[in-house]
Amino acid sequence: GYHVAMAHPALQDLYGATYFDEPFVNGVSRSFATYNPHAGRRWSVREYIKRAPDASHLPEHLRKAWIYYGIFPNNALSIMPESVQFYQEFPLSTGETLLRGAIYRYKDETREQAAARYLAYRIDRDTMDEDVQLSVWSNESMLSEAFEGFYLSDLEYGVRTHHDHLRKQIPVLGLETAPEEKNMWALNDALRSRG
């Protein structure tokens, strides 16, 4: 997907062309990448690659893998050689979202694993900040005189399959104009029953 290359410099530096998205199937999507041992223009990426221990306890194809599982509608798991994390997004209003999550480490974590986990956290923290900024810009764009209505971009395959799941559950998203809130539930049910 173009999202990493365009919006996340540290992730692009870390794994670049090895990144790919797989669509939502039965509510689960997957993004997969292996980090490039020659990457490292950014400090956190360079130090991560230098310090990440060989994960010889993992199968060969997972030793340098960063894997993300999206669980519809609002959950994600990130699995890296040194840690696992989850996060969830809860919309509170049209302009506010609660993000919660946690990072899990090995019970018998080594110093090298701890350092790699910290550096991976720094990379992910920057990525989260970039995603927040993208949301701010999207919200600001809707206030522009040039704004002609909101649409769910289907340019990125993984995003499109997520939106397909949303449109299936909430078919009013496909309507040209938003229905009145008091009619939304019944209209959604009627549209869903039509298939």
C-alpha atoms as a PDB file:
ATOM      1  CA  GLY A   1       0.000   0.000   0.000  1.00  0.00           C
ATOM      2  CA  TYR A   2       1.025   3.572  -0.679  1.00  0.00           C
ATOM      3  CA  HIS A   3       0.172   4.662   2.867  1.00  0.00           C
ATOM      4  CA  VAL A   4       3.495   3.600   4.424  1.00  0.00           C
ATOM      5  CA  ALA A   5       5.625   5.026   1.624  1.00  0.00           C
ATOM      6  CA  MET A   6       3.809   8.376   1.652  1.00  0.00           C
ATOM      7  CA  ALA A   7       2.958   8.913   5.315  1.00  0.00           C
ATOM      8  CA  HIS A   8       5.476   7.026   7.456  1.00  0.00           C
ATOM      9  CA  PRO A   9       9.150   7.828   6.782  1.00  0.00           C
ATOM     10  CA  ALA A  10      10.509   5.643   9.598  1.00  0.00           C
ATOM     11  CA  LEU A  11       8.541   2.577   8.512  1.00  0.00           C
ATOM     12  CA  GLN A  12       9.528   3.175   4.895  1.00  0.00           C
ATOM     13  CA  ASP A  13      13.156   3.432   6.018  1.00  0.00           C
ATOM     14  CA  LEU A  14      12.818   0.267   8.102  1.00  0.00           C
ATOM     15  CA  TYR A  15      11.248  -2.052   5.568  1.00  0.00           C
ATOM     16  CA  GLY A  16      10.495  -0.183   2.336  1.00  0.00           C
ATOM     17  CA  ALA A  17       9.608  -2.422  -0.584  1.00  0.00           C
ATOM     18  CA  THR A  18       9.094  -5.563   1.520  1.00  0.00           C
ATOM     19  CA  TYR A  19       5.821  -4.153   2.922  1.00  0.00           C
ATOM     20  CA  PHE A  20       2.540  -5.498   1.577  1.00  0.00           C
ATOM     21  CA  ASP A  21      -1.112  -5.517   2.628  1.00  0.00           C
ATOM     22  CA  GLU A  22      -3.539  -8.396   2.482  1.00  0.00           C
ATOM     23  CA  PRO A  23      -7.275  -7.634   2.430  1.00  0.00           C
ATOM     24  CA  PHE A  24      -9.844  -8.065   5.155  1.00  0.00           C
ATOM     25  CA  VAL A  25     -11.172 -11.617   4.945  1.00  0.00           C
ATOM     26  CA  ASN A  26     -13.844 -12.517   7.474  1.00  0.00           C
ATOM     27  CA  GLY A  27     -12.935  -9.421   9.479  1.00  0.00           C
ATOM     28  CA  VAL A  28      -9.147  -9.877   9.634  1.00  0.00           C
ATOM     29  CA  SER A  29      -6.476  -8.207   7.489  1.00  0.00           C
ATOM     30  CA  ARG A  30      -2.718  -8.590   7.533  1.00  0.00           C
ATOM     31  CA  SER A  31       0.197  -6.326   6.657  1.00  0.00           C
ATOM     32  CA  PHE A  32       3.635  -7.891   6.501  1.00  0.00           C
ATOM     33  CA  ALA A  33       7.185  -6.631   6.098  1.00  0.00           C
ATOM     34  CA  THR A  34      10.693  -7.685   6.955  1.00  0.00           C
ATOM     35  CA  TYR A  35      13.165  -5.067   7.979  1.00  0.00           C
ATOM     36  CA  ASN A  36      16.054  -4.236   5.730  1.00  0.00           C
ATOM     37  CA  PRO A  37      19.464  -4.870   7.354  1.00  0.00           C
ATOM     38  CA  HIS A  38      20.913  -1.993   5.287  1.00  0.00           C
ATOM     39  CA  ALA A  39      18.296   0.603   6.260  1.00  0.00           C
ATOM     40  CA  GLY A  40      18.893   3.342   8.751  1.00  0.00           C
ATOM     41  CA  ARG A  41      18.705   6.934   7.588  1.00  0.00           C
ATOM     42  CA  ARG A  42      16.673   7.714  10.708  1.00  0.00           C
ATOM     43  CA  TRP A  43      18.277   7.314  14.141  1.00  0.00           C
ATOM     44  CA  SER A  44      15.650   4.999  15.673  1.00  0.00           C
ATOM     45  CA  VAL A  45      15.662   2.746  12.616  1.00  0.00           C
ATOM     46  CA  ARG A  46      19.450   2.628  12.413  1.00  0.00           C
ATOM     47  CA  GLU A  47      19.755   1.777  16.112  1.00  0.00           C
ATOM     48  CA  TYR A  48      16.941  -0.786  15.937  1.00  0.00           C
ATOM     49  CA  ILE A  49      18.642  -2.643  13.096  1.00  0.00           C
ATOM     50  CA  LYS A  50      21.998  -2.457  14.837  1.00  0.00           C
ATOM     51  CA  ARG A  51      20.692  -3.654  18.229  1.00  0.00           C
ATOM     52  CA  ALA A  52      17.882  -6.094  17.394  1.00  0.00           C
ATOM     53  CA  PRO A  53      19.091  -9.545  18.439  1.00  0.00           C
ATOM     54  CA  ASP A  54      18.883 -12.506  16.102  1.00  0.00           C
ATOM     55  CA  ALA A  55      15.496 -14.013  16.860  1.00  0.00           C
ATOM     56  CA  SER A  56      16.717 -17.582  16.378  1.00  0.00           C
ATOM     57  CA  HIS A  57      13.799 -18.905  18.460  1.00  0.00           C
ATOM     58  CA  LEU A  58      11.452 -17.909  15.621  1.00  0.00           C
ATOM     59  CA  PRO A  59      11.029 -19.578  12.218  1.00  0.00           C
ATOM     60  CA  GLU A  60      13.432 -18.109   9.651  1.00  0.00           C
ATOM     61  CA  HIS A  61      10.769 -16.133   7.743  1.00  0.00           C
ATOM     62  CA  LEU A  62       9.647 -14.343  10.950  1.00  0.00           C
ATOM     63  CA  ARG A  63      13.020 -13.363  12.420  1.00  0.00           C
ATOM     64  CA  LYS A  64      12.943  -9.864  10.925  1.00  0.00           C
ATOM     65  CA  ALA A  65       9.202  -9.595  10.372  1.00  0.00           C
ATOM     66  CA  TRP A  66       6.897  -6.819  11.488  1.00  0.00           C
ATOM     67  CA  ILE A  67       3.346  -8.104  11.104  1.00  0.00           C
ATOM     68  CA  TYR A  68       0.132  -6.178  11.669  1.00  0.00           C
ATOM     69  CA  TYR A  69      -3.285  -7.804  11.978  1.00  0.00           C
ATOM     70  CA  GLY A  70      -6.348  -5.605  11.674  1.00  0.00           C
ATOM     71  CA  ILE A  71      -9.413  -7.043  13.391  1.00  0.00           C
ATOM     72  CA  PHE A  72     -12.592  -5.376  12.181  1.00  0.00           C
ATOM     73  CA  PRO A  73     -13.711  -2.815  13.082  1.00  0.00           C
ATOM     74  CA  ASN A  74     -11.247  -1.151  15.461  1.00  0.00           C
ATOM     75  CA  ASN A  75      -8.501  -3.490  16.724  1.00  0.00           C
ATOM     76  CA  ALA A  76      -4.932  -4.093  15.653  1.00  0.00           C
ATOM     77  CA  LEU A  77      -2.167  -6.445  16.731  1.00  0.00           C
ATOM     78  CA  SER A  78       1.486  -5.735  15.932  1.00  0.00           C
ATOM     79  CA  ILE A  79       3.859  -8.648  16.166  1.00  0.00           C
ATOM     80  CA  MET A  80       7.593  -8.048  16.058  1.00  0.00           C
ATOM     81  CA  PRO A  81      10.483 -10.340  16.968  1.00  0.00           C
ATOM     82  CA  GLU A  82      10.848  -8.712  20.407  1.00  0.00           C
ATOM     83  CA  SER A  83       7.280  -7.780  21.340  1.00  0.00           C
ATOM     84  CA  VAL A  84       3.568  -7.926  20.669  1.00  0.00           C
ATOM     85  CA  GLN A  85       1.245  -4.981  21.023  1.00  0.00           C
ATOM     86  CA  PHE A  86      -2.421  -4.290  20.586  1.00  0.00           C
ATOM     87  CA  TYR A  87      -4.327  -1.113  20.156  1.00  0.00           C
ATOM     88  CA  GLN A  88      -7.951  -0.151  19.781  1.00  0.00           C
ATOM     89  CA  GLU A  89      -9.598   3.013  18.545  1.00  0.00           C
ATOM     90  CA  PHE A  90     -12.918   4.164  19.973  1.00  0.00           C
ATOM     91  CA  PRO A  91     -14.633   7.120  18.286  1.00  0.00           C
ATOM     92  CA  LEU A  92     -16.021   9.418  20.975  1.00  0.00           C
ATOM     93  CA  SER A  93     -17.382  12.078  18.621  1.00  0.00           C
ATOM     94  CA  THR A  94     -16.788  13.330  15.086  1.00  0.00           C
ATOM     95  CA  GLY A  95     -13.638  15.074  16.261  1.00  0.00           C
ATOM     96  CA  GLU A  96     -12.306  12.868  19.037  1.00  0.00           C
ATOM     97  CA  THR A  97     -11.071   9.285  19.295  1.00  0.00           C
ATOM     98  CA  LEU A  98      -9.808   7.345  22.286  1.00  0.00           C
ATOM     99  CA  LEU A  99      -6.777   5.199  21.512  1.00  0.00           C
ATOM    100  CA  ARG A 100      -5.739   2.532  23.970  1.00  0.00           C
ATOM    101  CA  GLY A 101      -3.219  -0.260  23.802  1.00  0.00           C
ATOM    102  CA  ALA A 102      -0.396  -2.118  25.464  1.00  0.00           C
ATOM    103  CA  ILE A 103       2.978  -3.601  24.603  1.00  0.00           C
ATOM    104  CA  TYR A 104       3.949  -7.081  25.764  1.00  0.00           C
ATOM    105  CA  ARG A 105       7.488  -8.381  26.111  1.00  0.00           C
ATOM    106  CA  TYR A 106       9.113 -11.727  26.721  1.00  0.00           C
ATOM    107  CA  LYS A 107       9.021 -12.827  30.356  1.00  0.00           C
ATOM    108  CA  ASP A 108      12.775 -13.478  30.267  1.00  0.00           C
ATOM    109  CA  GLU A 109      13.593 -10.474  28.067  1.00  0.00           C
ATOM    110  CA  THR A 110      17.294  -9.834  27.440  1.00  0.00           C
ATOM    111  CA  ARG A 111      18.896  -6.386  27.430  1.00  0.00           C
ATOM    112  CA  GLU A 112      19.132  -6.597  23.634  1.00  0.00           C
ATOM    113  CA  GLN A 113      15.437  -7.431  23.332  1.00  0.00           C
ATOM    114  CA  ALA A 114      14.574  -4.582  25.711  1.00  0.00           C
ATOM    115  CA  ALA A 115      16.618  -2.136  23.625  1.00  0.00           C
ATOM    116  CA  ALA A 116      14.989  -3.368  20.403  1.00  0.00           C
ATOM    117  CA  ARG A 117      11.533  -3.113  21.996  1.00  0.00           C
ATOM    118  CA  TYR A 118      12.234   0.468  23.091  1.00  0.00           C
ATOM    119  CA  LEU A 119      13.465   1.434  19.617  1.00  0.00           C
ATOM    120  CA  ALA A 120      10.468  -0.262  17.967  1.00  0.00           C
ATOM    121  CA  TYR A 121       8.269   1.756  20.342  1.00  0.00           C
ATOM    122  CA  ARG A 122       9.991   4.975  19.201  1.00  0.00           C
ATOM    123  CA  ILE A 123       9.351   4.060  15.565  1.00  0.00           C
ATOM    124  CA  ASP A 124       5.711   3.214  16.320  1.00  0.00           C
ATOM    125  CA  ARG A 125       5.236   6.387  18.385  1.00  0.00           C
ATOM    126  CA  ASP A 126       6.335   8.481  15.396  1.00  0.00           C
ATOM    127  CA  THR A 127       4.012   6.457  13.170  1.00  0.00           C
ATOM    128  CA  MET A 128       1.066   7.090  15.500  1.00  0.00           C
ATOM    129  CA  ASP A 129       1.848  10.827  15.566  1.00  0.00           C
ATOM    130  CA  GLU A 130       1.916  10.825  11.752  1.00  0.00           C
ATOM    131  CA  ASP A 131      -1.471   9.074  11.633  1.00  0.00           C
ATOM    132  CA  VAL A 132      -2.924  11.636  14.054  1.00  0.00           C
ATOM    133  CA  GLN A 133      -1.592  14.445  11.843  1.00  0.00           C
ATOM    134  CA  LEU A 134      -3.193  12.838   8.772  1.00  0.00           C
ATOM    135  CA  SER A 135      -6.516  12.830  10.653  1.00  0.00           C
ATOM    136  CA  VAL A 136      -6.086  16.498  11.597  1.00  0.00           C
ATOM    137  CA  TRP A 137      -5.396  17.421   7.976  1.00  0.00           C
ATOM    138  CA  SER A 138      -8.414  15.403   6.807  1.00  0.00           C
ATOM    139  CA  ASN A 139     -10.661  17.192   9.303  1.00  0.00           C
ATOM    140  CA  GLU A 140      -9.233  20.591   8.334  1.00  0.00           C
ATOM    141  CA  SER A 141      -9.794  19.868   4.643  1.00  0.00           C
ATOM    142  CA  MET A 142     -13.505  19.422   5.310  1.00  0.00           C
ATOM    143  CA  LEU A 143     -13.671  23.044   6.495  1.00  0.00           C
ATOM    144  CA  SER A 144     -12.326  24.335   3.179  1.00  0.00           C
ATOM    145  CA  GLU A 145     -14.567  26.068   0.636  1.00  0.00           C
ATOM    146  CA  ALA A 146     -13.195  23.632  -1.944  1.00  0.00           C
ATOM    147  CA  PHE A 147     -14.478  20.630   0.005  1.00  0.00           C
ATOM    148  CA  GLU A 148     -17.145  18.836  -2.044  1.00  0.00           C
ATOM    149  CA  GLY A 149     -18.147  16.118   0.371  1.00  0.00           C
ATOM    150  CA  PHE A 150     -16.462  13.349   2.267  1.00  0.00           C
ATOM    151  CA  TYR A 151     -15.633  10.063   0.669  1.00  0.00           C
ATOM    152  CA  LEU A 152     -13.876   6.943   1.839  1.00  0.00           C
ATOM    153  CA  SER A 153     -10.782   6.595  -0.335  1.00  0.00           C
ATOM    154  CA  ASP A 154     -10.491   3.162  -1.877  1.00  0.00           C
ATOM    155  CA  LEU A 155      -7.085   3.750  -3.449  1.00  0.00           C
ATOM    156  CA  GLU A 156      -5.261   1.486  -1.008  1.00  0.00           C
ATOM    157  CA  TYR A 157      -6.351  -2.149  -1.199  1.00  0.00           C
ATOM    158  CA  GLY A 158      -6.327  -2.797   2.559  1.00  0.00           C
ATOM    159  CA  VAL A 159      -8.267   0.412   3.201  1.00  0.00           C
ATOM    160  CA  ARG A 160     -10.775  -0.491   0.486  1.00  0.00           C
ATOM    161  CA  THR A 161     -11.488  -3.915   2.007  1.00  0.00           C
ATOM    162  CA  HIS A 162     -11.940  -2.281   5.444  1.00  0.00           C
ATOM    163  CA  HIS A 163     -14.369   0.186   3.878  1.00  0.00           C
ATOM    164  CA  ASP A 164     -16.177  -2.712   2.160  1.00  0.00           C
ATOM    165  CA  HIS A 165     -16.702  -4.260   5.607  1.00  0.00           C
ATOM    166  CA  LEU A 166     -17.964  -0.898   6.914  1.00  0.00           C
ATOM    167  CA  ARG A 167     -20.337  -0.444   3.961  1.00  0.00           C
ATOM    168  CA  LYS A 168     -21.699  -3.961   4.500  1.00  0.00           C
ATOM    169  CA  GLN A 169     -22.412  -3.301   8.203  1.00  0.00           C
ATOM    170  CA  ILE A 170     -23.432   0.353   7.802  1.00  0.00           C
ATOM    171  CA  PRO A 171     -24.939   0.669   4.305  1.00  0.00           C
ATOM    172  CA  VAL A 172     -26.059   4.273   4.900  1.00  0.00           C
ATOM    173  CA  LEU A 173     -22.397   5.142   4.243  1.00  0.00           C
ATOM    174  CA  GLY A 174     -23.171   4.671   0.551  1.00  0.00           C
ATOM    175  CA  LEU A 175     -25.972   7.233   0.502  1.00  0.00           C
ATOM    176  CA  GLU A 176     -25.408  10.539  -1.242  1.00  0.00           C
ATOM    177  CA  THR A 177     -26.822  12.532   1.694  1.00  0.00           C
ATOM    178  CA  ALA A 178     -26.769  11.599   5.355  1.00  0.00           C
ATOM    179  CA  PRO A 179     -30.125  10.484   6.746  1.00  0.00           C
ATOM    180  CA  GLU A 180     -31.536  12.092   9.851  1.00  0.00           C
ATOM    181  CA  GLU A 181     -30.029  10.533  12.944  1.00  0.00           C
ATOM    182  CA  LYS A 182     -33.414   9.398  14.295  1.00  0.00           C
ATOM    183  CA  ASN A 183     -33.976   7.331  11.097  1.00  0.00           C
ATOM    184  CA  MET A 184     -30.465   5.926  10.774  1.00  0.00           C
ATOM    185  CA  TRP A 185     -30.968   2.612  12.603  1.00  0.00           C
ATOM    186  CA  ALA A 186     -34.141   1.644  10.719  1.00  0.00           C
ATOM    187  CA  LEU A 187     -32.740   2.746   7.361  1.00  0.00           C
ATOM    188  CA  ASN A 188     -29.550   0.780   7.969  1.00  0.00           C
ATOM    189  CA  ASP A 189     -31.586  -2.338   8.800  1.00  0.00           C
ATOM    190  CA  ALA A 190     -33.715  -1.888   5.670  1.00  0.00           C
ATOM    191  CA  LEU A 191     -30.674  -1.434   3.436  1.00  0.00           C
ATOM    192  CA  ARG A 192     -28.902  -4.430   4.997  1.00  0.00           C
ATOM    193  CA  SER A 193     -31.938  -6.679   4.497  1.00  0.00           C
ATOM    194  CA  ARG A 194     -31.928  -5.849   0.755  1.00  0.00           C
ATOM    195  CA  GLY A 195     -28.420  -7.303   0.608  1.00  0.00           C
END
